[in-house]
Amino acid sequence: MALNPQLFLNGMPVPFVNEMFVLARDGVEFEIDKIPGADGGKFKAKGTIYLSNIRMVFVANKPGGSFTAFDMPMLYVHAEKFNQPIFFCNNISGHVEPVVPDDQNRALYSTHSFKILFKEGGCGTFVPLFFNLIRSVRRYNEQTVSGAEARVDPLQAAQTPVDEMMRHAYVDPNDPTRIFLQQPTPESQLRRRTYQSRPVEHAT
């Protein structure tokens, strides 16, 4: 994960080189733990989830404290699960490993637990696309990265072929997810080349 990735003024994440945004889903509630400065380390907010061939990015509608957005590399997500509780809304829960800067000790960073709650409308488009994408990213990574590598580069996921998956995506009319048939930020010549946690900044 990376707290407060770079965003454009419209709230869209600034893309990486070769990053392709797949969808955006408004009206979700996001829960995450181990956030510095948050009450008990836990943070909860409503906002938008963006999904790309590299990562998920949650962008809060109203920033709280030092929290504006949260970035989760697909290759660092694990133990993901779709939950359908009887008395509460459907949600996806899981864990995500931190993106550790090269000059810092991995032992100083711990795994985060997250939850994405679908409180407005269905999730029949988002959920299958999310699980299909994360499976594709892992499958491609297993084929291209040797087991000897201690830490996977999260940007490796950019090479995952997702075009075919998007062409056959099921669209649930009860799910307000927006699928990007073309990339949503044509004005963005700016492309990130490294994956580093940094203070929130707005790019133009």
N, C-alpha and C. Protein backbone atom coordinates (compact mmCIF):
# COMPACT_ATOMS: atom_id res chain seq x y z
N MET A 1 0.84 -1.18 0.00
CA MET A 1 0.00 0.00 0.00
C MET A 1 0.88 1.23 0.00
N ALA A 2 0.26 2.33 -0.37
CA ALA A 2 0.91 3.63 -0.25
C ALA A 2 -0.18 4.63 0.14
N LEU A 3 0.07 5.36 1.20
CA LEU A 3 -0.90 6.33 1.66
C LEU A 3 -0.78 7.61 0.83
N ASN A 4 -1.91 8.14 0.41
CA ASN A 4 -1.98 9.40 -0.33
C ASN A 4 -1.14 9.42 -1.61
N PRO A 5 -1.49 8.58 -2.58
CA PRO A 5 -0.80 8.64 -3.87
C PRO A 5 -1.16 9.94 -4.58
N GLN A 6 -0.39 10.28 -5.60
CA GLN A 6 -0.65 11.51 -6.35
C GLN A 6 -2.00 11.43 -7.06
N LEU A 7 -2.75 12.55 -6.99
CA LEU A 7 -4.06 12.64 -7.63
C LEU A 7 -4.10 13.88 -8.52
N PHE A 8 -4.93 13.80 -9.58
CA PHE A 8 -5.26 15.00 -10.33
C PHE A 8 -6.29 15.80 -9.53
N LEU A 9 -6.54 17.03 -9.96
CA LEU A 9 -7.49 17.88 -9.25
C LEU A 9 -8.91 17.31 -9.25
N ASN A 10 -9.24 16.47 -10.26
CA ASN A 10 -10.57 15.86 -10.32
C ASN A 10 -10.68 14.58 -9.48
N GLY A 11 -9.59 14.24 -8.77
CA GLY A 11 -9.61 13.07 -7.90
C GLY A 11 -9.09 11.80 -8.54
N MET A 12 -8.89 11.80 -9.85
CA MET A 12 -8.33 10.61 -10.52
C MET A 12 -6.88 10.41 -10.10
N PRO A 13 -6.47 9.16 -9.86
CA PRO A 13 -5.06 8.91 -9.56
C PRO A 13 -4.17 9.23 -10.77
N VAL A 14 -3.01 9.81 -10.50
CA VAL A 14 -2.03 10.03 -11.56
C VAL A 14 -1.49 8.66 -11.97
N PRO A 15 -1.58 8.29 -13.25
CA PRO A 15 -1.22 6.92 -13.67
C PRO A 15 0.27 6.68 -13.72
N PHE A 16 0.62 5.41 -13.64
CA PHE A 16 1.98 4.97 -13.89
C PHE A 16 2.17 4.76 -15.39
N VAL A 17 3.42 4.61 -15.79
CA VAL A 17 3.71 4.22 -17.17
C VAL A 17 3.05 2.87 -17.44
N ASN A 18 2.32 2.75 -18.54
CA ASN A 18 1.63 1.52 -18.96
C ASN A 18 0.45 1.13 -18.07
N GLU A 19 0.03 2.01 -17.17
CA GLU A 19 -1.14 1.70 -16.35
C GLU A 19 -2.42 1.96 -17.16
N MET A 20 -3.39 1.05 -17.02
CA MET A 20 -4.66 1.17 -17.71
C MET A 20 -5.79 1.06 -16.70
N PHE A 21 -6.57 2.11 -16.54
CA PHE A 21 -7.69 2.08 -15.61
C PHE A 21 -8.84 1.28 -16.21
N VAL A 22 -9.40 0.38 -15.39
CA VAL A 22 -10.44 -0.54 -15.82
C VAL A 22 -11.82 -0.01 -15.44
N LEU A 23 -11.95 0.47 -14.20
CA LEU A 23 -13.27 0.90 -13.73
C LEU A 23 -13.14 1.87 -12.57
N ALA A 24 -14.24 2.53 -12.27
CA ALA A 24 -14.37 3.36 -11.07
C ALA A 24 -15.71 3.04 -10.44
N ARG A 25 -15.73 2.95 -9.14
CA ARG A 25 -16.98 2.64 -8.43
C ARG A 25 -17.19 3.67 -7.32
N ASP A 26 -18.24 4.49 -7.49
CA ASP A 26 -18.59 5.49 -6.49
C ASP A 26 -19.45 4.85 -5.40
N GLY A 27 -19.66 5.59 -4.32
CA GLY A 27 -20.61 5.17 -3.29
C GLY A 27 -20.19 3.96 -2.49
N VAL A 28 -18.87 3.78 -2.31
CA VAL A 28 -18.40 2.68 -1.45
C VAL A 28 -17.90 3.26 -0.14
N GLU A 29 -17.91 2.43 0.88
CA GLU A 29 -17.27 2.79 2.14
C GLU A 29 -16.03 1.93 2.28
N PHE A 30 -14.95 2.56 2.68
CA PHE A 30 -13.65 1.89 2.75
C PHE A 30 -13.15 1.91 4.18
N GLU A 31 -12.69 0.76 4.66
CA GLU A 31 -12.13 0.66 6.00
C GLU A 31 -10.70 0.13 5.88
N ILE A 32 -9.79 0.73 6.63
CA ILE A 32 -8.39 0.31 6.60
C ILE A 32 -7.79 0.50 7.99
N ASP A 33 -6.88 -0.36 8.39
CA ASP A 33 -6.25 -0.21 9.70
C ASP A 33 -4.80 0.24 9.56
N LYS A 34 -4.20 0.53 10.71
CA LYS A 34 -2.78 0.91 10.81
C LYS A 34 -2.46 2.16 10.01
N ILE A 35 -3.34 3.16 10.14
CA ILE A 35 -3.12 4.45 9.49
C ILE A 35 -2.61 5.44 10.54
N PRO A 36 -1.41 5.99 10.36
CA PRO A 36 -0.86 6.93 11.35
C PRO A 36 -1.79 8.11 11.57
N GLY A 37 -2.03 8.43 12.85
CA GLY A 37 -2.85 9.58 13.19
C GLY A 37 -4.34 9.30 13.26
N ALA A 38 -4.80 8.15 12.75
CA ALA A 38 -6.22 7.81 12.81
C ALA A 38 -6.56 7.28 14.20
N ASP A 39 -7.82 7.42 14.60
CA ASP A 39 -8.27 6.96 15.91
C ASP A 39 -8.09 5.45 16.02
N GLY A 40 -7.21 5.02 16.90
CA GLY A 40 -6.94 3.59 17.04
C GLY A 40 -6.25 3.00 15.81
N GLY A 41 -5.78 3.86 14.92
CA GLY A 41 -5.12 3.40 13.71
C GLY A 41 -6.09 3.01 12.60
N LYS A 42 -7.41 3.04 12.91
CA LYS A 42 -8.41 2.62 11.92
C LYS A 42 -9.04 3.83 11.26
N PHE A 43 -9.21 3.76 9.96
CA PHE A 43 -9.81 4.86 9.20
C PHE A 43 -10.96 4.32 8.37
N LYS A 44 -12.06 5.09 8.33
CA LYS A 44 -13.23 4.71 7.55
C LYS A 44 -13.73 5.94 6.83
N ALA A 45 -14.06 5.79 5.55
CA ALA A 45 -14.54 6.93 4.77
C ALA A 45 -15.35 6.44 3.59
N LYS A 46 -16.19 7.33 3.05
CA LYS A 46 -16.92 7.04 1.82
C LYS A 46 -16.19 7.70 0.66
N GLY A 47 -16.29 7.07 -0.52
CA GLY A 47 -15.61 7.65 -1.66
C GLY A 47 -15.70 6.75 -2.88
N THR A 48 -14.64 6.78 -3.67
CA THR A 48 -14.59 6.07 -4.96
C THR A 48 -13.40 5.13 -5.00
N ILE A 49 -13.63 3.91 -5.51
CA ILE A 49 -12.55 2.96 -5.75
C ILE A 49 -12.24 2.96 -7.24
N TYR A 50 -10.97 3.15 -7.58
CA TYR A 50 -10.49 3.01 -8.95
C TYR A 50 -9.72 1.71 -9.05
N LEU A 51 -9.93 0.99 -10.15
CA LEU A 51 -9.27 -0.30 -10.35
C LEU A 51 -8.52 -0.25 -11.67
N SER A 52 -7.23 -0.61 -11.64
CA SER A 52 -6.42 -0.62 -12.86
C SER A 52 -5.70 -1.96 -12.97
N ASN A 53 -4.88 -2.10 -14.01
CA ASN A 53 -4.11 -3.33 -14.16
C ASN A 53 -2.93 -3.38 -13.20
N ILE A 54 -2.73 -2.34 -12.39
CA ILE A 54 -1.64 -2.31 -11.42
C ILE A 54 -2.14 -2.31 -9.99
N ARG A 55 -3.25 -1.62 -9.72
CA ARG A 55 -3.63 -1.35 -8.33
C ARG A 55 -5.10 -1.01 -8.18
N MET A 56 -5.53 -0.96 -6.92
CA MET A 56 -6.79 -0.34 -6.51
C MET A 56 -6.43 0.95 -5.79
N VAL A 57 -7.18 1.99 -6.03
CA VAL A 57 -6.97 3.24 -5.31
C VAL A 57 -8.31 3.72 -4.76
N PHE A 58 -8.38 3.88 -3.45
CA PHE A 58 -9.56 4.48 -2.84
C PHE A 58 -9.30 5.96 -2.65
N VAL A 59 -10.24 6.79 -3.10
CA VAL A 59 -10.15 8.25 -2.94
C VAL A 59 -11.35 8.70 -2.11
N ALA A 60 -11.08 9.30 -0.96
CA ALA A 60 -12.15 9.71 -0.05
C ALA A 60 -12.88 10.93 -0.59
N ASN A 61 -14.22 10.96 -0.39
CA ASN A 61 -15.00 12.15 -0.76
C ASN A 61 -14.59 13.35 0.07
N LYS A 62 -14.35 13.10 1.36
CA LYS A 62 -13.93 14.17 2.28
C LYS A 62 -12.68 13.70 3.01
N PRO A 63 -11.52 14.25 2.68
CA PRO A 63 -10.29 13.86 3.36
C PRO A 63 -10.42 14.03 4.87
N GLY A 64 -9.84 13.09 5.62
CA GLY A 64 -9.90 13.17 7.07
C GLY A 64 -8.51 13.10 7.67
N GLY A 65 -8.14 14.12 8.44
CA GLY A 65 -6.80 14.14 9.02
C GLY A 65 -5.75 14.15 7.92
N SER A 66 -4.86 13.17 7.96
CA SER A 66 -3.80 13.09 6.95
C SER A 66 -4.18 12.15 5.80
N PHE A 67 -5.43 11.68 5.78
CA PHE A 67 -5.86 10.68 4.80
C PHE A 67 -6.66 11.32 3.67
N THR A 68 -6.17 11.13 2.45
CA THR A 68 -6.90 11.58 1.27
C THR A 68 -7.23 10.39 0.36
N ALA A 69 -6.25 9.51 0.19
CA ALA A 69 -6.42 8.36 -0.71
C ALA A 69 -5.52 7.23 -0.23
N PHE A 70 -5.82 6.03 -0.71
CA PHE A 70 -5.05 4.85 -0.31
C PHE A 70 -4.85 3.95 -1.52
N ASP A 71 -3.62 3.56 -1.76
CA ASP A 71 -3.20 2.87 -2.97
C ASP A 71 -2.81 1.43 -2.62
N MET A 72 -3.42 0.44 -3.30
CA MET A 72 -3.15 -0.97 -3.00
C MET A 72 -2.70 -1.71 -4.26
N PRO A 73 -1.41 -2.02 -4.38
CA PRO A 73 -0.93 -2.76 -5.56
C PRO A 73 -1.59 -4.14 -5.64
N MET A 74 -2.05 -4.52 -6.81
CA MET A 74 -2.72 -5.82 -6.98
C MET A 74 -1.83 -6.98 -6.56
N LEU A 75 -0.52 -6.87 -6.82
CA LEU A 75 0.40 -7.95 -6.47
C LEU A 75 0.65 -8.05 -4.98
N TYR A 76 0.25 -7.05 -4.22
CA TYR A 76 0.46 -7.06 -2.77
C TYR A 76 -0.80 -7.40 -1.99
N VAL A 77 -1.92 -7.57 -2.70
CA VAL A 77 -3.19 -7.93 -2.05
C VAL A 77 -3.26 -9.45 -1.89
N HIS A 78 -3.75 -9.91 -0.74
CA HIS A 78 -3.93 -11.35 -0.53
C HIS A 78 -5.07 -11.59 0.46
N ALA A 79 -5.49 -12.83 0.55
CA ALA A 79 -6.59 -13.24 1.45
C ALA A 79 -7.87 -12.47 1.15
N GLU A 80 -8.05 -12.07 -0.12
CA GLU A 80 -9.26 -11.33 -0.49
C GLU A 80 -10.47 -12.26 -0.48
N LYS A 81 -11.60 -11.72 -0.08
CA LYS A 81 -12.80 -12.54 0.07
C LYS A 81 -14.04 -11.68 -0.15
N PHE A 82 -15.02 -12.24 -0.87
CA PHE A 82 -16.30 -11.57 -1.05
C PHE A 82 -17.26 -12.06 0.02
N ASN A 83 -17.79 -11.13 0.81
CA ASN A 83 -18.66 -11.46 1.93
C ASN A 83 -20.09 -10.98 1.67
N GLN A 84 -21.06 -11.84 1.98
CA GLN A 84 -22.47 -11.50 1.82
C GLN A 84 -23.20 -11.72 3.14
N PRO A 85 -22.98 -10.84 4.13
CA PRO A 85 -23.65 -11.02 5.43
C PRO A 85 -25.16 -10.82 5.31
N ILE A 86 -25.89 -11.44 6.20
CA ILE A 86 -27.36 -11.39 6.14
C ILE A 86 -27.88 -10.00 6.49
N PHE A 87 -27.32 -9.38 7.52
CA PHE A 87 -27.87 -8.11 8.00
C PHE A 87 -27.07 -6.88 7.59
N PHE A 88 -25.99 -7.07 6.88
CA PHE A 88 -25.17 -5.93 6.48
C PHE A 88 -24.92 -5.98 4.97
N CYS A 89 -24.27 -4.96 4.44
CA CYS A 89 -24.09 -4.89 2.98
C CYS A 89 -22.95 -5.80 2.52
N ASN A 90 -23.03 -6.18 1.26
CA ASN A 90 -21.98 -7.00 0.66
C ASN A 90 -20.66 -6.23 0.70
N ASN A 91 -19.57 -6.98 0.83
CA ASN A 91 -18.27 -6.32 0.92
C ASN A 91 -17.15 -7.25 0.48
N ILE A 92 -16.02 -6.66 0.15
CA ILE A 92 -14.78 -7.40 -0.12
C ILE A 92 -13.81 -7.06 1.00
N SER A 93 -13.24 -8.09 1.62
CA SER A 93 -12.24 -7.87 2.66
C SER A 93 -10.93 -8.52 2.22
N GLY A 94 -9.85 -8.11 2.84
CA GLY A 94 -8.56 -8.71 2.50
C GLY A 94 -7.42 -8.02 3.22
N HIS A 95 -6.21 -8.37 2.81
CA HIS A 95 -4.99 -7.80 3.38
C HIS A 95 -4.15 -7.24 2.25
N VAL A 96 -3.35 -6.23 2.57
CA VAL A 96 -2.43 -5.68 1.57
C VAL A 96 -1.10 -5.36 2.25
N GLU A 97 -0.03 -5.74 1.58
CA GLU A 97 1.31 -5.47 2.09
C GLU A 97 1.70 -4.02 1.78
N PRO A 98 2.53 -3.43 2.63
CA PRO A 98 2.97 -2.05 2.37
C PRO A 98 4.00 -1.98 1.27
N VAL A 99 4.03 -0.84 0.58
CA VAL A 99 5.11 -0.55 -0.36
C VAL A 99 6.22 0.09 0.45
N VAL A 100 7.32 -0.62 0.61
CA VAL A 100 8.41 -0.16 1.47
C VAL A 100 9.45 0.57 0.63
N PRO A 101 9.76 1.82 0.97
CA PRO A 101 10.82 2.54 0.25
C PRO A 101 12.13 1.76 0.30
N ASP A 102 12.92 1.89 -0.75
CA ASP A 102 14.16 1.12 -0.87
C ASP A 102 15.12 1.35 0.29
N ASP A 103 15.07 2.54 0.86
CA ASP A 103 16.04 2.88 1.92
C ASP A 103 15.52 2.59 3.32
N GLN A 104 14.38 1.85 3.43
CA GLN A 104 13.84 1.59 4.75
C GLN A 104 13.71 0.09 5.02
N ASN A 105 13.62 -0.23 6.31
CA ASN A 105 13.58 -1.62 6.75
C ASN A 105 12.16 -2.18 6.65
N ARG A 106 11.99 -3.30 5.96
CA ARG A 106 10.69 -3.95 5.80
C ARG A 106 10.04 -4.27 7.14
N ALA A 107 10.86 -4.57 8.16
CA ALA A 107 10.34 -4.96 9.47
C ALA A 107 9.59 -3.83 10.16
N LEU A 108 9.81 -2.60 9.72
CA LEU A 108 9.13 -1.47 10.33
C LEU A 108 7.72 -1.28 9.80
N TYR A 109 7.34 -2.05 8.79
CA TYR A 109 6.03 -1.91 8.15
C TYR A 109 5.23 -3.19 8.35
N SER A 110 3.95 -3.04 8.65
CA SER A 110 3.13 -4.23 8.86
C SER A 110 1.98 -4.27 7.86
N THR A 111 1.39 -5.46 7.73
CA THR A 111 0.29 -5.70 6.79
C THR A 111 -0.98 -4.98 7.23
N HIS A 112 -1.69 -4.41 6.26
CA HIS A 112 -2.96 -3.73 6.53
C HIS A 112 -4.13 -4.68 6.23
N SER A 113 -5.20 -4.53 6.99
CA SER A 113 -6.47 -5.18 6.67
C SER A 113 -7.41 -4.14 6.09
N PHE A 114 -8.14 -4.52 5.02
CA PHE A 114 -9.05 -3.55 4.41
C PHE A 114 -10.41 -4.19 4.16
N LYS A 115 -11.39 -3.31 3.95
CA LYS A 115 -12.73 -3.76 3.59
C LYS A 115 -13.35 -2.72 2.67
N ILE A 116 -13.99 -3.18 1.59
CA ILE A 116 -14.71 -2.32 0.65
C ILE A 116 -16.18 -2.69 0.77
N LEU A 117 -17.00 -1.77 1.25
CA LEU A 117 -18.42 -2.05 1.47
C LEU A 117 -19.26 -1.38 0.39
N PHE A 118 -20.13 -2.16 -0.23
CA PHE A 118 -20.99 -1.67 -1.32
C PHE A 118 -22.33 -1.22 -0.74
N LYS A 119 -22.42 0.04 -0.40
CA LYS A 119 -23.60 0.55 0.30
C LYS A 119 -24.61 1.19 -0.64
N GLU A 120 -24.22 1.42 -1.89
CA GLU A 120 -25.12 2.07 -2.83
C GLU A 120 -25.18 1.27 -4.13
N GLY A 121 -26.22 0.48 -4.29
CA GLY A 121 -26.38 -0.31 -5.51
C GLY A 121 -25.70 -1.66 -5.40
N GLY A 122 -25.83 -2.45 -6.47
CA GLY A 122 -25.28 -3.80 -6.49
C GLY A 122 -23.78 -3.82 -6.72
N CYS A 123 -23.24 -5.03 -6.80
CA CYS A 123 -21.81 -5.17 -7.02
C CYS A 123 -21.51 -6.27 -8.05
N GLY A 124 -22.52 -6.58 -8.88
CA GLY A 124 -22.38 -7.67 -9.85
C GLY A 124 -21.42 -7.40 -10.98
N THR A 125 -21.05 -6.14 -11.20
CA THR A 125 -20.02 -5.82 -12.19
C THR A 125 -18.65 -5.76 -11.53
N PHE A 126 -18.57 -5.04 -10.40
CA PHE A 126 -17.28 -4.82 -9.74
C PHE A 126 -16.64 -6.12 -9.26
N VAL A 127 -17.41 -6.95 -8.56
CA VAL A 127 -16.83 -8.14 -7.91
C VAL A 127 -16.20 -9.11 -8.92
N PRO A 128 -16.92 -9.52 -9.99
CA PRO A 128 -16.28 -10.44 -10.95
C PRO A 128 -15.05 -9.83 -11.63
N LEU A 129 -15.13 -8.53 -11.97
CA LEU A 129 -13.98 -7.89 -12.61
C LEU A 129 -12.78 -7.85 -11.67
N PHE A 130 -13.02 -7.53 -10.40
CA PHE A 130 -11.93 -7.49 -9.42
C PHE A 130 -11.25 -8.85 -9.29
N PHE A 131 -12.04 -9.90 -9.11
CA PHE A 131 -11.44 -11.23 -8.90
C PHE A 131 -10.78 -11.75 -10.18
N ASN A 132 -11.38 -11.48 -11.34
CA ASN A 132 -10.76 -11.90 -12.60
C ASN A 132 -9.44 -11.17 -12.83
N LEU A 133 -9.42 -9.88 -12.52
CA LEU A 133 -8.21 -9.10 -12.73
C LEU A 133 -7.09 -9.55 -11.80
N ILE A 134 -7.41 -9.75 -10.53
CA ILE A 134 -6.36 -10.13 -9.59
C ILE A 134 -5.81 -11.52 -9.92
N ARG A 135 -6.68 -12.42 -10.42
CA ARG A 135 -6.20 -13.74 -10.84
C ARG A 135 -5.28 -13.61 -12.06
N SER A 136 -5.65 -12.75 -13.01
CA SER A 136 -4.83 -12.56 -14.20
C SER A 136 -3.47 -11.98 -13.85
N VAL A 137 -3.46 -11.01 -12.95
CA VAL A 137 -2.21 -10.38 -12.52
C VAL A 137 -1.29 -11.42 -11.88
N ARG A 138 -1.84 -12.23 -11.01
CA ARG A 138 -1.03 -13.25 -10.33
C ARG A 138 -0.52 -14.31 -11.30
N ARG A 139 -1.40 -14.75 -12.20
CA ARG A 139 -1.01 -15.79 -13.16
C ARG A 139 0.13 -15.29 -14.05
N TYR A 140 0.00 -14.07 -14.53
CA TYR A 140 1.03 -13.51 -15.40
C TYR A 140 2.34 -13.33 -14.63
N ASN A 141 2.23 -12.88 -13.38
CA ASN A 141 3.42 -12.66 -12.57
C ASN A 141 4.16 -13.97 -12.28
N GLU A 142 3.40 -15.04 -12.02
CA GLU A 142 4.03 -16.35 -11.75
C GLU A 142 4.79 -16.86 -12.97
N GLN A 143 4.30 -16.51 -14.16
CA GLN A 143 4.95 -16.98 -15.38
C GLN A 143 6.21 -16.19 -15.72
N THR A 144 6.30 -14.96 -15.20
CA THR A 144 7.39 -14.09 -15.63
C THR A 144 8.42 -13.79 -14.55
N VAL A 145 8.08 -14.02 -13.28
CA VAL A 145 9.00 -13.68 -12.19
C VAL A 145 9.51 -14.96 -11.53
N SER A 146 10.81 -15.06 -11.35
CA SER A 146 11.39 -16.26 -10.72
C SER A 146 11.08 -16.26 -9.24
N GLY A 147 10.93 -17.44 -8.67
CA GLY A 147 10.61 -17.58 -7.26
C GLY A 147 11.71 -17.08 -6.36
N ALA A 148 12.89 -16.87 -6.91
CA ALA A 148 14.03 -16.45 -6.10
C ALA A 148 13.95 -14.97 -5.72
N GLU A 149 13.10 -14.20 -6.41
CA GLU A 149 13.02 -12.78 -6.11
C GLU A 149 12.33 -12.57 -4.77
N ALA A 150 13.00 -11.82 -3.91
CA ALA A 150 12.49 -11.64 -2.57
C ALA A 150 11.25 -10.74 -2.54
N ARG A 151 11.24 -9.72 -3.40
CA ARG A 151 10.13 -8.78 -3.37
C ARG A 151 9.71 -8.46 -4.79
N VAL A 152 8.44 -8.61 -5.05
CA VAL A 152 7.92 -8.37 -6.39
C VAL A 152 7.73 -6.87 -6.62
N ASP A 153 8.15 -6.40 -7.78
CA ASP A 153 7.91 -5.01 -8.15
C ASP A 153 6.43 -4.86 -8.47
N PRO A 154 5.68 -4.00 -7.75
CA PRO A 154 4.24 -3.88 -8.02
C PRO A 154 3.92 -3.42 -9.43
N LEU A 155 4.86 -2.70 -10.08
CA LEU A 155 4.62 -2.23 -11.44
C LEU A 155 4.73 -3.34 -12.46
N GLN A 156 5.22 -4.52 -12.04
CA GLN A 156 5.26 -5.68 -12.93
C GLN A 156 3.87 -6.02 -13.46
N ALA A 157 2.86 -5.70 -12.66
CA ALA A 157 1.47 -6.01 -13.04
C ALA A 157 1.03 -5.26 -14.29
N ALA A 158 1.74 -4.18 -14.65
CA ALA A 158 1.36 -3.39 -15.82
C ALA A 158 1.42 -4.20 -17.10
N GLN A 159 2.20 -5.28 -17.09
CA GLN A 159 2.35 -6.10 -18.29
C GLN A 159 1.21 -7.11 -18.47
N THR A 160 0.34 -7.22 -17.48
CA THR A 160 -0.76 -8.18 -17.56
C THR A 160 -1.72 -7.81 -18.69
N PRO A 161 -1.99 -8.75 -19.61
CA PRO A 161 -2.94 -8.44 -20.69
C PRO A 161 -4.37 -8.48 -20.16
N VAL A 162 -5.04 -7.32 -20.16
CA VAL A 162 -6.40 -7.25 -19.61
C VAL A 162 -7.44 -6.94 -20.68
N ASP A 163 -7.00 -6.68 -21.91
CA ASP A 163 -7.95 -6.30 -22.97
C ASP A 163 -9.03 -7.34 -23.19
N GLU A 164 -8.64 -8.59 -23.28
CA GLU A 164 -9.59 -9.67 -23.54
C GLU A 164 -10.60 -9.79 -22.40
N MET A 165 -10.11 -9.68 -21.18
CA MET A 165 -11.00 -9.77 -20.02
C MET A 165 -12.04 -8.66 -20.05
N MET A 166 -11.64 -7.44 -20.43
CA MET A 166 -12.56 -6.31 -20.46
C MET A 166 -13.61 -6.47 -21.55
N ARG A 167 -13.22 -7.07 -22.66
CA ARG A 167 -14.18 -7.24 -23.76
C ARG A 167 -15.32 -8.17 -23.38
N HIS A 168 -15.07 -9.08 -22.44
CA HIS A 168 -16.08 -10.06 -22.06
C HIS A 168 -16.65 -9.79 -20.66
N ALA A 169 -16.46 -8.58 -20.17
CA ALA A 169 -16.95 -8.25 -18.83
C ALA A 169 -18.47 -8.20 -18.82
N TYR A 170 -19.05 -8.77 -17.76
CA TYR A 170 -20.51 -8.71 -17.57
C TYR A 170 -20.85 -7.39 -16.89
N VAL A 171 -21.85 -6.71 -17.39
CA VAL A 171 -22.28 -5.45 -16.78
C VAL A 171 -23.63 -5.65 -16.11
N ASP A 172 -23.64 -5.51 -14.79
CA ASP A 172 -24.85 -5.65 -14.00
C ASP A 172 -25.58 -4.30 -13.98
N PRO A 173 -26.82 -4.24 -14.47
CA PRO A 173 -27.54 -2.95 -14.50
C PRO A 173 -27.81 -2.36 -13.13
N ASN A 174 -27.73 -3.18 -12.07
CA ASN A 174 -27.94 -2.67 -10.71
C ASN A 174 -26.66 -2.17 -10.06
N ASP A 175 -25.54 -2.29 -10.77
CA ASP A 175 -24.24 -1.90 -10.23
C ASP A 175 -23.81 -0.61 -10.91
N PRO A 176 -23.62 0.47 -10.14
CA PRO A 176 -23.25 1.76 -10.75
C PRO A 176 -21.79 1.89 -11.15
N THR A 177 -21.05 0.79 -11.16
CA THR A 177 -19.65 0.83 -11.58
C THR A 177 -19.52 1.41 -12.99
N ARG A 178 -18.54 2.30 -13.18
CA ARG A 178 -18.25 2.87 -14.50
C ARG A 178 -17.04 2.15 -15.09
N ILE A 179 -17.23 1.49 -16.23
CA ILE A 179 -16.13 0.81 -16.91
C ILE A 179 -15.52 1.79 -17.91
N PHE A 180 -14.20 1.87 -17.93
CA PHE A 180 -13.51 2.79 -18.83
C PHE A 180 -13.23 2.09 -20.16
N LEU A 181 -13.99 2.47 -21.19
CA LEU A 181 -13.75 1.93 -22.52
C LEU A 181 -12.58 2.64 -23.17
N GLN A 182 -12.31 3.86 -22.71
CA GLN A 182 -11.07 4.54 -23.08
C GLN A 182 -10.54 5.20 -21.82
N GLN A 183 -9.27 5.51 -21.80
CA GLN A 183 -8.66 6.03 -20.58
C GLN A 183 -9.24 7.40 -20.23
N PRO A 184 -9.55 7.59 -18.92
CA PRO A 184 -10.33 8.75 -18.50
C PRO A 184 -9.57 10.07 -18.38
N THR A 185 -8.25 10.05 -18.53
CA THR A 185 -7.49 11.29 -18.34
C THR A 185 -6.60 11.55 -19.55
N PRO A 186 -7.19 11.93 -20.68
CA PRO A 186 -6.39 12.16 -21.89
C PRO A 186 -5.42 13.32 -21.73
N GLU A 187 -5.71 14.22 -20.75
CA GLU A 187 -4.81 15.36 -20.55
C GLU A 187 -3.55 14.98 -19.79
N SER A 188 -3.48 13.74 -19.32
CA SER A 188 -2.38 13.38 -18.43
C SER A 188 -1.16 12.89 -19.20
N GLN A 189 -0.30 13.81 -19.55
CA GLN A 189 1.00 13.42 -20.10
C GLN A 189 1.90 12.95 -18.96
N LEU A 190 1.56 13.39 -17.76
CA LEU A 190 2.36 13.00 -16.59
C LEU A 190 2.12 11.53 -16.28
N ARG A 191 3.22 10.78 -16.19
CA ARG A 191 3.12 9.36 -15.83
C ARG A 191 4.17 9.05 -14.79
N ARG A 192 3.75 8.39 -13.73
CA ARG A 192 4.70 8.03 -12.67
C ARG A 192 5.54 6.83 -13.10
N ARG A 193 6.79 6.82 -12.66
CA ARG A 193 7.71 5.74 -13.01
C ARG A 193 8.16 4.93 -11.80
N THR A 194 7.88 5.41 -10.62
CA THR A 194 8.28 4.68 -9.41
C THR A 194 7.10 4.59 -8.46
N TYR A 195 7.17 3.62 -7.56
CA TYR A 195 6.10 3.38 -6.60
C TYR A 195 6.61 3.75 -5.22
N GLN A 196 6.37 4.99 -4.82
CA GLN A 196 6.86 5.43 -3.53
C GLN A 196 5.75 6.09 -2.75
N SER A 197 5.75 5.85 -1.44
CA SER A 197 4.82 6.55 -0.57
C SER A 197 5.32 7.97 -0.40
N ARG A 198 4.43 8.93 -0.52
CA ARG A 198 4.83 10.32 -0.40
C ARG A 198 3.65 11.14 0.10
N PRO A 199 3.88 12.37 0.56
CA PRO A 199 2.76 13.20 0.98
C PRO A 199 1.84 13.46 -0.20
N VAL A 200 0.58 13.68 0.10
CA VAL A 200 -0.39 13.91 -0.97
C VAL A 200 -0.04 15.18 -1.72
N GLU A 201 -0.11 15.10 -3.05
CA GLU A 201 0.09 16.27 -3.89
C GLU A 201 -0.89 16.20 -5.02
N HIS A 202 -1.25 17.35 -5.52
CA HIS A 202 -2.14 17.40 -6.68
C HIS A 202 -1.33 17.77 -7.89
N ALA A 203 -1.47 16.97 -8.93
CA ALA A 203 -0.74 17.24 -10.15
C ALA A 203 -1.67 17.93 -11.14
N THR A 204 -1.09 18.73 -12.00
CA THR A 204 -1.90 19.38 -13.03
C THR A 204 -1.38 19.01 -14.40
